[in-house]
Amino acid sequence: MGLILAVSTTIVVFHQLLDLSFIPKENIGLLLMLYLHEPSFDYYPFHVLYPIIPWIGVMGLGWCFGIYLNSLDHGRVKRLATPIANIGVASILIFVVIRWLNSFGNLVLRRGDTVQD
């Protein structure tokens, strides 16, 4: 589990530093870059929101967190339910604020005031 935790954390924290410029940006190379690493709306009909490499890291972190919770006794897990729920609500609120400010973290900047934006 330690290796998965380390690799997953490294992927999530540093995946933006991954340089895939050696892959040609035409035909299959473009699709490979989109599906592996770079979310984009720019290449119709290939709208990629969840590229594989970052999501492997997210899934690994979730798996490690599940293993950790499974190793705890029932009483401890019940005591952690409220802090975990609070972190979840805070994360959603932070997402809404970042999206509202139209700043870092947005794949596509807001163009209007619609629900989709």
PDB file of N, CA and C in Angstrom:
ATOM      1  N   MET A   1       0.820  -1.187   0.000  1.00  0.00           N
ATOM      2  CA  MET A   1       0.000   0.000   0.000  1.00  0.00           C
ATOM      3  C   MET A   1       0.867   1.255   0.000  1.00  0.00           C
ATOM      4  N   GLY A   2       2.011   1.201   0.646  1.00  0.00           N
ATOM      5  CA  GLY A   2       2.887   2.372   0.706  1.00  0.00           C
ATOM      6  C   GLY A   2       3.345   2.827  -0.668  1.00  0.00           C
ATOM      7  N   LEU A   3       3.646   1.880  -1.539  1.00  0.00           N
ATOM      8  CA  LEU A   3       4.086   2.214  -2.889  1.00  0.00           C
ATOM      9  C   LEU A   3       2.951   2.868  -3.682  1.00  0.00           C
ATOM     10  N   ILE A   4       1.748   2.310  -3.566  1.00  0.00           N
ATOM     11  CA  ILE A   4       0.600   2.886  -4.277  1.00  0.00           C
ATOM     12  C   ILE A   4       0.317   4.292  -3.764  1.00  0.00           C
ATOM     13  N   LEU A   5       0.403   4.493  -2.463  1.00  0.00           N
ATOM     14  CA  LEU A   5       0.192   5.818  -1.888  1.00  0.00           C
ATOM     15  C   LEU A   5       1.237   6.808  -2.403  1.00  0.00           C
ATOM     16  N   ALA A   6       2.494   6.407  -2.428  1.00  0.00           N
ATOM     17  CA  ALA A   6       3.567   7.291  -2.888  1.00  0.00           C
ATOM     18  C   ALA A   6       3.419   7.629  -4.373  1.00  0.00           C
ATOM     19  N   VAL A   7       3.151   6.626  -5.191  1.00  0.00           N
ATOM     20  CA  VAL A   7       3.012   6.844  -6.630  1.00  0.00           C
ATOM     21  C   VAL A   7       1.777   7.701  -6.916  1.00  0.00           C
ATOM     22  N   SER A   8       0.669   7.409  -6.256  1.00  0.00           N
ATOM     23  CA  SER A   8      -0.562   8.165  -6.472  1.00  0.00           C
ATOM     24  C   SER A   8      -0.406   9.622  -6.061  1.00  0.00           C
ATOM     25  N   THR A   9       0.217   9.860  -4.924  1.00  0.00           N
ATOM     26  CA  THR A   9       0.446  11.227  -4.470  1.00  0.00           C
ATOM     27  C   THR A   9       1.355  11.966  -5.442  1.00  0.00           C
ATOM     28  N   THR A  10       2.394  11.304  -5.908  1.00  0.00           N
ATOM     29  CA  THR A  10       3.306  11.917  -6.876  1.00  0.00           C
ATOM     30  C   THR A  10       2.573  12.274  -8.162  1.00  0.00           C
ATOM     31  N   ILE A  11       1.735  11.387  -8.642  1.00  0.00           N
ATOM     32  CA  ILE A  11       0.979  11.659  -9.864  1.00  0.00           C
ATOM     33  C   ILE A  11       0.067  12.864  -9.675  1.00  0.00           C
ATOM     34  N   VAL A  12      -0.692  12.886  -8.590  1.00  0.00           N
ATOM     35  CA  VAL A  12      -1.644  13.977  -8.370  1.00  0.00           C
ATOM     36  C   VAL A  12      -0.931  15.315  -8.212  1.00  0.00           C
ATOM     37  N   VAL A  13       0.172  15.330  -7.499  1.00  0.00           N
ATOM     38  CA  VAL A  13       0.865  16.588  -7.229  1.00  0.00           C
ATOM     39  C   VAL A  13       1.669  17.074  -8.437  1.00  0.00           C
ATOM     40  N   PHE A  14       2.300  16.166  -9.157  1.00  0.00           N
ATOM     41  CA  PHE A  14       3.255  16.583 -10.189  1.00  0.00           C
ATOM     42  C   PHE A  14       2.837  16.293 -11.633  1.00  0.00           C
ATOM     43  N   HIS A  15       1.615  15.834 -11.881  1.00  0.00           N
ATOM     44  CA  HIS A  15       1.281  15.451 -13.254  1.00  0.00           C
ATOM     45  C   HIS A  15       1.317  16.624 -14.226  1.00  0.00           C
ATOM     46  N   GLN A  16       1.144  17.840 -13.752  1.00  0.00           N
ATOM     47  CA  GLN A  16       1.228  19.002 -14.648  1.00  0.00           C
ATOM     48  C   GLN A  16       2.644  19.233 -15.158  1.00  0.00           C
ATOM     49  N   LEU A  17       3.631  18.692 -14.470  1.00  0.00           N
ATOM     50  CA  LEU A  17       5.025  18.848 -14.895  1.00  0.00           C
ATOM     51  C   LEU A  17       5.441  17.806 -15.931  1.00  0.00           C
ATOM     52  N   LEU A  18       4.583  16.816 -16.174  1.00  0.00           N
ATOM     53  CA  LEU A  18       4.896  15.774 -17.143  1.00  0.00           C
ATOM     54  C   LEU A  18       4.958  16.376 -18.540  1.00  0.00           C
ATOM     55  N   ASP A  19       6.064  16.165 -19.221  1.00  0.00           N
ATOM     56  CA  ASP A  19       6.254  16.722 -20.563  1.00  0.00           C
ATOM     57  C   ASP A  19       6.068  15.619 -21.596  1.00  0.00           C
ATOM     58  N   LEU A  20       4.987  15.715 -22.338  1.00  0.00           N
ATOM     59  CA  LEU A  20       4.710  14.746 -23.391  1.00  0.00           C
ATOM     60  C   LEU A  20       4.918  15.380 -24.771  1.00  0.00           C
ATOM     61  N   SER A  21       5.779  16.374 -24.855  1.00  0.00           N
ATOM     62  CA  SER A  21       5.982  17.087 -26.124  1.00  0.00           C
ATOM     63  C   SER A  21       6.649  16.207 -27.186  1.00  0.00           C
ATOM     64  N   PHE A  22       7.214  15.086 -26.773  1.00  0.00           N
ATOM     65  CA  PHE A  22       7.838  14.188 -27.748  1.00  0.00           C
ATOM     66  C   PHE A  22       6.795  13.440 -28.580  1.00  0.00           C
ATOM     67  N   ILE A  23       5.538  13.456 -28.137  1.00  0.00           N
ATOM     68  CA  ILE A  23       4.469  12.803 -28.896  1.00  0.00           C
ATOM     69  C   ILE A  23       4.004  13.772 -29.975  1.00  0.00           C
ATOM     70  N   PRO A  24       3.996  13.363 -31.235  1.00  0.00           N
ATOM     71  CA  PRO A  24       3.562  14.263 -32.305  1.00  0.00           C
ATOM     72  C   PRO A  24       2.099  14.660 -32.113  1.00  0.00           C
ATOM     73  N   LYS A  25       1.768  15.916 -32.435  1.00  0.00           N
ATOM     74  CA  LYS A  25       0.411  16.416 -32.219  1.00  0.00           C
ATOM     75  C   LYS A  25      -0.467  16.282 -33.456  1.00  0.00           C
ATOM     76  N   GLU A  26      -0.323  15.211 -34.162  1.00  0.00           N
ATOM     77  CA  GLU A  26      -1.238  14.946 -35.262  1.00  0.00           C
ATOM     78  C   GLU A  26      -1.693  13.494 -35.193  1.00  0.00           C
ATOM     79  N   ASN A  27      -2.888  13.275 -35.689  1.00  0.00           N
ATOM     80  CA  ASN A  27      -3.509  11.960 -35.754  1.00  0.00           C
ATOM     81  C   ASN A  27      -3.553  11.252 -34.406  1.00  0.00           C
ATOM     82  N   ILE A  28      -2.998  10.054 -34.340  1.00  0.00           N
ATOM     83  CA  ILE A  28      -3.045   9.230 -33.130  1.00  0.00           C
ATOM     84  C   ILE A  28      -2.291   9.884 -31.977  1.00  0.00           C
ATOM     85  N   GLY A  29      -1.203  10.583 -32.255  1.00  0.00           N
ATOM     86  CA  GLY A  29      -0.433  11.242 -31.205  1.00  0.00           C
ATOM     87  C   GLY A  29      -1.262  12.247 -30.434  1.00  0.00           C
ATOM     88  N   LEU A  30      -2.092  13.010 -31.130  1.00  0.00           N
ATOM     89  CA  LEU A  30      -2.956  13.986 -30.482  1.00  0.00           C
ATOM     90  C   LEU A  30      -3.948  13.287 -29.565  1.00  0.00           C
ATOM     91  N   LEU A  31      -4.576  12.243 -30.067  1.00  0.00           N
ATOM     92  CA  LEU A  31      -5.528  11.504 -29.237  1.00  0.00           C
ATOM     93  C   LEU A  31      -4.846  10.888 -28.021  1.00  0.00           C
ATOM     94  N   LEU A  32      -3.651  10.378 -28.222  1.00  0.00           N
ATOM     95  CA  LEU A  32      -2.893   9.795 -27.117  1.00  0.00           C
ATOM     96  C   LEU A  32      -2.625  10.840 -26.034  1.00  0.00           C
ATOM     97  N   MET A  33      -2.199  12.033 -26.431  1.00  0.00           N
ATOM     98  CA  MET A  33      -1.944  13.095 -25.452  1.00  0.00           C
ATOM     99  C   MET A  33      -3.221  13.499 -24.731  1.00  0.00           C
ATOM    100  N   LEU A  34      -4.325  13.599 -25.469  1.00  0.00           N
ATOM    101  CA  LEU A  34      -5.587  13.989 -24.844  1.00  0.00           C
ATOM    102  C   LEU A  34      -6.048  12.949 -23.832  1.00  0.00           C
ATOM    103  N   TYR A  35      -6.044  11.699 -24.228  1.00  0.00           N
ATOM    104  CA  TYR A  35      -6.563  10.660 -23.349  1.00  0.00           C
ATOM    105  C   TYR A  35      -5.624  10.333 -22.193  1.00  0.00           C
ATOM    106  N   LEU A  36      -4.331  10.534 -22.373  1.00  0.00           N
ATOM    107  CA  LEU A  36      -3.389  10.231 -21.296  1.00  0.00           C
ATOM    108  C   LEU A  36      -3.233  11.361 -20.292  1.00  0.00           C
ATOM    109  N   HIS A  37      -3.203  12.628 -20.769  1.00  0.00           N
ATOM    110  CA  HIS A  37      -2.730  13.659 -19.874  1.00  0.00           C
ATOM    111  C   HIS A  37      -3.442  14.998 -19.936  1.00  0.00           C
ATOM    112  N   GLU A  38      -3.902  15.437 -21.085  1.00  0.00           N
ATOM    113  CA  GLU A  38      -4.343  16.820 -21.233  1.00  0.00           C
ATOM    114  C   GLU A  38      -5.843  16.927 -21.489  1.00  0.00           C
ATOM    115  N   PRO A  39      -6.618  17.369 -20.498  1.00  0.00           N
ATOM    116  CA  PRO A  39      -8.037  17.577 -20.755  1.00  0.00           C
ATOM    117  C   PRO A  39      -8.218  18.729 -21.733  1.00  0.00           C
ATOM    118  N   SER A  40      -9.201  18.612 -22.627  1.00  0.00           N
ATOM    119  CA  SER A  40      -9.373  19.657 -23.638  1.00  0.00           C
ATOM    120  C   SER A  40     -10.746  19.583 -24.282  1.00  0.00           C
ATOM    121  N   PHE A  41     -11.258  20.761 -24.655  1.00  0.00           N
ATOM    122  CA  PHE A  41     -12.462  20.880 -25.470  1.00  0.00           C
ATOM    123  C   PHE A  41     -12.110  21.322 -26.884  1.00  0.00           C
ATOM    124  N   ASP A  42     -10.836  21.465 -27.192  1.00  0.00           N
ATOM    125  CA  ASP A  42     -10.396  22.105 -28.434  1.00  0.00           C
ATOM    126  C   ASP A  42     -10.412  21.215 -29.671  1.00  0.00           C
ATOM    127  N   TYR A  43     -10.561  19.924 -29.517  1.00  0.00           N
ATOM    128  CA  TYR A  43     -10.420  19.022 -30.655  1.00  0.00           C
ATOM    129  C   TYR A  43     -11.705  18.231 -30.886  1.00  0.00           C
ATOM    130  N   TYR A  44     -12.723  18.910 -31.398  1.00  0.00           N
ATOM    131  CA  TYR A  44     -14.005  18.271 -31.667  1.00  0.00           C
ATOM    132  C   TYR A  44     -13.815  17.092 -32.606  1.00  0.00           C
ATOM    133  N   PRO A  45     -14.416  15.986 -32.373  1.00  0.00           N
ATOM    134  CA  PRO A  45     -15.394  15.573 -31.376  1.00  0.00           C
ATOM    135  C   PRO A  45     -14.769  14.927 -30.142  1.00  0.00           C
ATOM    136  N   PHE A  46     -13.490  15.117 -29.931  1.00  0.00           N
ATOM    137  CA  PHE A  46     -12.792  14.472 -28.816  1.00  0.00           C
ATOM    138  C   PHE A  46     -12.699  15.416 -27.631  1.00  0.00           C
ATOM    139  N   HIS A  47     -13.751  15.462 -26.819  1.00  0.00           N
ATOM    140  CA  HIS A  47     -13.767  16.263 -25.603  1.00  0.00           C
ATOM    141  C   HIS A  47     -13.332  15.358 -24.452  1.00  0.00           C
ATOM    142  N   VAL A  48     -12.156  15.582 -23.953  1.00  0.00           N
ATOM    143  CA  VAL A  48     -11.610  14.742 -22.886  1.00  0.00           C
ATOM    144  C   VAL A  48     -11.582  15.559 -21.598  1.00  0.00           C
ATOM    145  N   LEU A  49     -12.348  15.124 -20.602  1.00  0.00           N
ATOM    146  CA  LEU A  49     -12.386  15.828 -19.322  1.00  0.00           C
ATOM    147  C   LEU A  49     -11.561  15.121 -18.253  1.00  0.00           C
ATOM    148  N   TYR A  50     -11.431  13.816 -18.352  1.00  0.00           N
ATOM    149  CA  TYR A  50     -10.751  13.046 -17.324  1.00  0.00           C
ATOM    150  C   TYR A  50      -9.666  12.180 -17.947  1.00  0.00           C
ATOM    151  N   PRO A  51      -8.477  12.750 -18.167  1.00  0.00           N
ATOM    152  CA  PRO A  51      -7.397  11.962 -18.753  1.00  0.00           C
ATOM    153  C   PRO A  51      -6.932  10.861 -17.789  1.00  0.00           C
ATOM    154  N   ILE A  52      -6.363   9.833 -18.357  1.00  0.00           N
ATOM    155  CA  ILE A  52      -6.057   8.607 -17.621  1.00  0.00           C
ATOM    156  C   ILE A  52      -4.997   8.794 -16.533  1.00  0.00           C
ATOM    157  N   ILE A  53      -3.895   9.454 -16.845  1.00  0.00           N
ATOM    158  CA  ILE A  53      -2.791   9.530 -15.870  1.00  0.00           C
ATOM    159  C   ILE A  53      -3.216  10.204 -14.562  1.00  0.00           C
ATOM    160  N   PRO A  54      -3.817  11.398 -14.586  1.00  0.00           N
ATOM    161  CA  PRO A  54      -4.222  11.991 -13.306  1.00  0.00           C
ATOM    162  C   PRO A  54      -5.259  11.149 -12.559  1.00  0.00           C
ATOM    163  N   TRP A  55      -6.165  10.508 -13.280  1.00  0.00           N
ATOM    164  CA  TRP A  55      -7.186   9.730 -12.606  1.00  0.00           C
ATOM    165  C   TRP A  55      -6.648   8.442 -12.010  1.00  0.00           C
ATOM    166  N   ILE A  56      -5.578   7.921 -12.535  1.00  0.00           N
ATOM    167  CA  ILE A  56      -4.937   6.770 -11.880  1.00  0.00           C
ATOM    168  C   ILE A  56      -4.465   7.193 -10.491  1.00  0.00           C
ATOM    169  N   GLY A  57      -3.889   8.381 -10.396  1.00  0.00           N
ATOM    170  CA  GLY A  57      -3.458   8.894  -9.096  1.00  0.00           C
ATOM    171  C   GLY A  57      -4.622   9.106  -8.147  1.00  0.00           C
ATOM    172  N   VAL A  58      -5.710   9.681  -8.633  1.00  0.00           N
ATOM    173  CA  VAL A  58      -6.891   9.927  -7.788  1.00  0.00           C
ATOM    174  C   VAL A  58      -7.480   8.602  -7.305  1.00  0.00           C
ATOM    175  N   MET A  59      -7.578   7.622  -8.204  1.00  0.00           N
ATOM    176  CA  MET A  59      -8.122   6.319  -7.806  1.00  0.00           C
ATOM    177  C   MET A  59      -7.207   5.618  -6.805  1.00  0.00           C
ATOM    178  N   GLY A  60      -5.894   5.743  -6.981  1.00  0.00           N
ATOM    179  CA  GLY A  60      -4.965   5.137  -6.030  1.00  0.00           C
ATOM    180  C   GLY A  60      -5.089   5.751  -4.646  1.00  0.00           C
ATOM    181  N   LEU A  61      -5.244   7.075  -4.591  1.00  0.00           N
ATOM    182  CA  LEU A  61      -5.426   7.736  -3.295  1.00  0.00           C
ATOM    183  C   LEU A  61      -6.729   7.289  -2.632  1.00  0.00           C
ATOM    184  N   GLY A  62      -7.786   7.174  -3.416  1.00  0.00           N
ATOM    185  CA  GLY A  62      -9.061   6.700  -2.874  1.00  0.00           C
ATOM    186  C   GLY A  62      -8.964   5.278  -2.357  1.00  0.00           C
ATOM    187  N   TRP A  63      -8.242   4.435  -3.095  1.00  0.00           N
ATOM    188  CA  TRP A  63      -8.058   3.050  -2.669  1.00  0.00           C
ATOM    189  C   TRP A  63      -7.296   2.997  -1.341  1.00  0.00           C
ATOM    190  N   CYS A  64      -6.224   3.784  -1.239  1.00  0.00           N
ATOM    191  CA  CYS A  64      -5.429   3.800   0.002  1.00  0.00           C
ATOM    192  C   CYS A  64      -6.251   4.325   1.172  1.00  0.00           C
ATOM    193  N   PHE A  65      -7.078   5.341   0.930  1.00  0.00           N
ATOM    194  CA  PHE A  65      -7.922   5.867   1.995  1.00  0.00           C
ATOM    195  C   PHE A  65      -8.941   4.818   2.439  1.00  0.00           C
ATOM    196  N   GLY A  66      -9.501   4.073   1.490  1.00  0.00           N
ATOM    197  CA  GLY A  66     -10.429   3.008   1.834  1.00  0.00           C
ATOM    198  C   GLY A  66      -9.764   1.908   2.650  1.00  0.00           C
ATOM    199  N   ILE A  67      -8.543   1.534   2.277  1.00  0.00           N
ATOM    200  CA  ILE A  67      -7.788   0.523   3.043  1.00  0.00           C
ATOM    201  C   ILE A  67      -7.525   1.033   4.460  1.00  0.00           C
ATOM    202  N   TYR A  68      -7.167   2.309   4.573  1.00  0.00           N
ATOM    203  CA  TYR A  68      -6.927   2.902   5.901  1.00  0.00           C
ATOM    204  C   TYR A  68      -8.191   2.847   6.747  1.00  0.00           C
ATOM    205  N   LEU A  69      -9.326   3.282   6.192  1.00  0.00           N
ATOM    206  CA  LEU A  69     -10.578   3.255   6.954  1.00  0.00           C
ATOM    207  C   LEU A  69     -10.966   1.835   7.320  1.00  0.00           C
ATOM    208  N   ASN A  70     -10.728   0.892   6.446  1.00  0.00           N
ATOM    209  CA  ASN A  70     -11.059  -0.504   6.709  1.00  0.00           C
ATOM    210  C   ASN A  70     -10.210  -1.088   7.839  1.00  0.00           C
ATOM    211  N   SER A  71      -9.030  -0.532   8.049  1.00  0.00           N
ATOM    212  CA  SER A  71      -8.151  -1.056   9.100  1.00  0.00           C
ATOM    213  C   SER A  71      -8.513  -0.526  10.486  1.00  0.00           C
ATOM    214  N   LEU A  72      -9.364   0.493  10.545  1.00  0.00           N
ATOM    215  CA  LEU A  72      -9.750   1.075  11.828  1.00  0.00           C
ATOM    216  C   LEU A  72     -10.922   0.322  12.437  1.00  0.00           C
ATOM    217  N   ASP A  73     -11.052   0.442  13.760  1.00  0.00           N
ATOM    218  CA  ASP A  73     -12.207  -0.182  14.412  1.00  0.00           C
ATOM    219  C   ASP A  73     -13.464   0.651  14.140  1.00  0.00           C
ATOM    220  N   HIS A  74     -14.613   0.041  14.334  1.00  0.00           N
ATOM    221  CA  HIS A  74     -15.895   0.665  13.982  1.00  0.00           C
ATOM    222  C   HIS A  74     -16.110   1.999  14.710  1.00  0.00           C
ATOM    223  N   GLY A  75     -15.762   2.067  15.976  1.00  0.00           N
ATOM    224  CA  GLY A  75     -15.951   3.302  16.745  1.00  0.00           C
ATOM    225  C   GLY A  75     -15.130   4.454  16.193  1.00  0.00           C
ATOM    226  N   ARG A  76     -13.909   4.165  15.806  1.00  0.00           N
ATOM    227  CA  ARG A  76     -13.039   5.208  15.240  1.00  0.00           C
ATOM    228  C   ARG A  76     -13.580   5.707  13.899  1.00  0.00           C
ATOM    229  N   VAL A  77     -14.078   4.795  13.095  1.00  0.00           N
ATOM    230  CA  VAL A  77     -14.647   5.185  11.802  1.00  0.00           C
ATOM    231  C   VAL A  77     -15.868   6.081  12.019  1.00  0.00           C
ATOM    232  N   LYS A  78     -16.716   5.746  13.000  1.00  0.00           N
ATOM    233  CA  LYS A  78     -17.889   6.573  13.295  1.00  0.00           C
ATOM    234  C   LYS A  78     -17.478   7.963  13.754  1.00  0.00           C
ATOM    235  N   ARG A  79     -16.390   8.062  14.540  1.00  0.00           N
ATOM    236  CA  ARG A  79     -15.911   9.375  14.986  1.00  0.00           C
ATOM    237  C   ARG A  79     -15.337  10.185  13.832  1.00  0.00           C
ATOM    238  N   LEU A  80     -14.808   9.515  12.826  1.00  0.00           N
ATOM    239  CA  LEU A  80     -14.247  10.209  11.664  1.00  0.00           C
ATOM    240  C   LEU A  80     -15.302  10.626  10.642  1.00  0.00           C
ATOM    241  N   ALA A  81     -16.530  10.116  10.786  1.00  0.00           N
ATOM    242  CA  ALA A  81     -17.569  10.413   9.790  1.00  0.00           C
ATOM    243  C   ALA A  81     -17.839  11.911   9.688  1.00  0.00           C
ATOM    244  N   THR A  82     -17.958  12.602  10.798  1.00  0.00           N
ATOM    245  CA  THR A  82     -18.248  14.042  10.762  1.00  0.00           C
ATOM    246  C   THR A  82     -17.091  14.843  10.169  1.00  0.00           C
ATOM    247  N   PRO A  83     -15.844  14.628  10.597  1.00  0.00           N
ATOM    248  CA  PRO A  83     -14.757  15.386   9.964  1.00  0.00           C
ATOM    249  C   PRO A  83     -14.623  15.108   8.460  1.00  0.00           C
ATOM    250  N   ILE A  84     -14.845  13.872   8.055  1.00  0.00           N
ATOM    251  CA  ILE A  84     -14.755  13.549   6.627  1.00  0.00           C
ATOM    252  C   ILE A  84     -15.877  14.247   5.864  1.00  0.00           C
ATOM    253  N   ALA A  85     -17.086  14.254   6.430  1.00  0.00           N
ATOM    254  CA  ALA A  85     -18.207  14.958   5.785  1.00  0.00           C
ATOM    255  C   ALA A  85     -17.922  16.458   5.710  1.00  0.00           C
ATOM    256  N   ASN A  86     -17.344  17.028   6.766  1.00  0.00           N
ATOM    257  CA  ASN A  86     -17.002  18.458   6.754  1.00  0.00           C
ATOM    258  C   ASN A  86     -15.963  18.777   5.683  1.00  0.00           C
ATOM    259  N   ILE A  87     -14.985  17.907   5.527  1.00  0.00           N
ATOM    260  CA  ILE A  87     -13.976  18.102   4.487  1.00  0.00           C
ATOM    261  C   ILE A  87     -14.629  18.036   3.106  1.00  0.00           C
ATOM    262  N   GLY A  88     -15.569  17.118   2.927  1.00  0.00           N
ATOM    263  CA  GLY A  88     -16.286  17.014   1.661  1.00  0.00           C
ATOM    264  C   GLY A  88     -17.076  18.266   1.344  1.00  0.00           C
ATOM    265  N   VAL A  89     -17.817  18.780   2.324  1.00  0.00           N
ATOM    266  CA  VAL A  89     -18.599  20.005   2.116  1.00  0.00           C
ATOM    267  C   VAL A  89     -17.672  21.184   1.844  1.00  0.00           C
ATOM    268  N   ALA A  90     -16.578  21.291   2.596  1.00  0.00           N
ATOM    269  CA  ALA A  90     -15.624  22.382   2.376  1.00  0.00           C
ATOM    270  C   ALA A  90     -15.008  22.293   0.982  1.00  0.00           C
ATOM    271  N   SER A  91     -14.715  21.094   0.525  1.00  0.00           N
ATOM    272  CA  SER A  91     -14.152  20.909  -0.818  1.00  0.00           C
ATOM    273  C   SER A  91     -15.123  21.380  -1.889  1.00  0.00           C
ATOM    274  N   ILE A  92     -16.392  21.066  -1.716  1.00  0.00           N
ATOM    275  CA  ILE A  92     -17.402  21.513  -2.679  1.00  0.00           C
ATOM    276  C   ILE A  92     -17.523  23.026  -2.661  1.00  0.00           C
ATOM    277  N   LEU A  93     -17.508  23.624  -1.480  1.00  0.00           N
ATOM    278  CA  LEU A  93     -17.592  25.087  -1.390  1.00  0.00           C
ATOM    279  C   LEU A  93     -16.377  25.761  -2.024  1.00  0.00           C
ATOM    280  N   ILE A  94     -15.202  25.206  -1.799  1.00  0.00           N
ATOM    281  CA  ILE A  94     -13.992  25.750  -2.421  1.00  0.00           C
ATOM    282  C   ILE A  94     -14.080  25.636  -3.938  1.00  0.00           C
ATOM    283  N   PHE A  95     -14.589  24.513  -4.438  1.00  0.00           N
ATOM    284  CA  PHE A  95     -14.783  24.345  -5.877  1.00  0.00           C
ATOM    285  C   PHE A  95     -15.705  25.437  -6.426  1.00  0.00           C
ATOM    286  N   VAL A  96     -16.823  25.680  -5.738  1.00  0.00           N
ATOM    287  CA  VAL A  96     -17.784  26.690  -6.207  1.00  0.00           C
ATOM    288  C   VAL A  96     -17.140  28.070  -6.214  1.00  0.00           C
ATOM    289  N   VAL A  97     -16.378  28.389  -5.171  1.00  0.00           N
ATOM    290  CA  VAL A  97     -15.720  29.697  -5.119  1.00  0.00           C
ATOM    291  C   VAL A  97     -14.703  29.841  -6.245  1.00  0.00           C
ATOM    292  N   ILE A  98     -13.879  28.839  -6.454  1.00  0.00           N
ATOM    293  CA  ILE A  98     -12.883  28.895  -7.530  1.00  0.00           C
ATOM    294  C   ILE A  98     -13.580  29.023  -8.882  1.00  0.00           C
ATOM    295  N   ARG A  99     -14.635  28.261  -9.065  1.00  0.00           N
ATOM    296  CA  ARG A  99     -15.364  28.333 -10.338  1.00  0.00           C
ATOM    297  C   ARG A  99     -16.010  29.705 -10.507  1.00  0.00           C
ATOM    298  N   TRP A 100     -16.562  30.245  -9.425  1.00  0.00           N
ATOM    299  CA  TRP A 100     -17.205  31.556  -9.481  1.00  0.00           C
ATOM    300  C   TRP A 100     -16.199  32.655  -9.809  1.00  0.00           C
ATOM    301  N   LEU A 101     -14.992  32.549  -9.249  1.00  0.00           N
ATOM    302  CA  LEU A 101     -13.952  33.557  -9.504  1.00  0.00           C
ATOM    303  C   LEU A 101     -13.339  33.411 -10.889  1.00  0.00           C
ATOM    304  N   ASN A 102     -13.650  32.284 -11.560  1.00  0.00           N
ATOM    305  CA  ASN A 102     -13.159  32.057 -12.916  1.00  0.00           C
ATOM    306  C   ASN A 102     -11.630  32.068 -12.953  1.00  0.00           C
ATOM    307  N   SER A 103     -11.040  31.334 -12.027  1.00  0.00           N
ATOM    308  CA  SER A 103      -9.582  31.391 -11.900  1.00  0.00           C
ATOM    309  C   SER A 103      -8.960  30.003 -12.025  1.00  0.00           C
ATOM    310  N   PHE A 104      -7.795  29.847 -11.450  1.00  0.00           N
ATOM    311  CA  PHE A 104      -7.024  28.609 -11.530  1.00  0.00           C
ATOM    312  C   PHE A 104      -7.891  27.399 -11.187  1.00  0.00           C
ATOM    313  N   GLY A 105      -7.688  26.341 -11.914  1.00  0.00           N
ATOM    314  CA  GLY A 105      -8.418  25.114 -11.644  1.00  0.00           C
ATOM    315  C   GLY A 105      -9.554  24.876 -12.610  1.00  0.00           C
ATOM    316  N   ASN A 106      -9.884  25.874 -13.407  1.00  0.00           N
ATOM    317  CA  ASN A 106     -10.961  25.721 -14.375  1.00  0.00           C
ATOM    318  C   ASN A 106     -10.392  25.254 -15.700  1.00  0.00           C
ATOM    319  N   LEU A 107     -10.915  24.141 -16.194  1.00  0.00           N
ATOM    320  CA  LEU A 107     -10.486  23.653 -17.491  1.00  0.00           C
ATOM    321  C   LEU A 107     -10.847  24.660 -18.574  1.00  0.00           C
ATOM    322  N   VAL A 108     -12.067  25.152 -18.512  1.00  0.00           N
ATOM    323  CA  VAL A 108     -12.550  26.138 -19.476  1.00  0.00           C
ATOM    324  C   VAL A 108     -13.108  27.306 -18.675  1.00  0.00           C
ATOM    325  N   LEU A 109     -12.690  28.510 -18.994  1.00  0.00           N
ATOM    326  CA  LEU A 109     -13.175  29.679 -18.280  1.00  0.00           C
ATOM    327  C   LEU A 109     -14.659  29.904 -18.563  1.00  0.00           C
ATOM    328  N   ARG A 110     -15.340  30.465 -17.566  1.00  0.00           N
ATOM    329  CA  ARG A 110     -16.755  30.795 -17.746  1.00  0.00           C
ATOM    330  C   ARG A 110     -16.902  31.828 -18.831  1.00  0.00           C
ATOM    331  N   ARG A 111     -17.926  31.659 -19.651  1.00  0.00           N
ATOM    332  CA  ARG A 111     -18.181  32.619 -20.727  1.00  0.00           C
ATOM    333  C   ARG A 111     -19.463  33.393 -20.476  1.00  0.00           C
ATOM    334  N   GLY A 112     -20.245  32.950 -19.525  1.00  0.00           N
ATOM    335  CA  GLY A 112     -21.527  33.591 -19.236  1.00  0.00           C
ATOM    336  C   GLY A 112     -21.988  33.202 -17.851  1.00  0.00           C
ATOM    337  N   ASP A 113     -23.285  33.324 -17.648  1.00  0.00           N
ATOM    338  CA  ASP A 113     -23.845  32.998 -16.333  1.00  0.00           C
ATOM    339  C   ASP A 113     -24.842  31.852 -16.416  1.00  0.00           C
ATOM    340  N   THR A 114     -24.609  30.899 -17.280  1.00  0.00           N
ATOM    341  CA  THR A 114     -25.502  29.757 -17.382  1.00  0.00           C
ATOM    342  C   THR A 114     -25.107  28.693 -16.375  1.00  0.00           C
ATOM    343  N   VAL A 115     -25.994  27.745 -16.154  1.00  0.00           N
ATOM    344  CA  VAL A 115     -25.714  26.646 -15.226  1.00  0.00           C
ATOM    345  C   VAL A 115     -24.511  25.856 -15.695  1.00  0.00           C
ATOM    346  N   GLN A 116     -24.400  25.617 -16.981  1.00  0.00           N
ATOM    347  CA  GLN A 116     -23.274  24.847 -17.505  1.00  0.00           C
ATOM    348  C   GLN A 116     -21.950  25.575 -17.259  1.00  0.00           C
ATOM    349  N   ASP A 117     -21.958  26.894 -17.397  1.00  0.00           N
ATOM    350  CA  ASP A 117     -20.726  27.657 -17.131  1.00  0.00           C
ATOM    351  C   ASP A 117     -20.367  27.542 -15.678  1.00  0.00           C
TER     352      ASP A 117
END
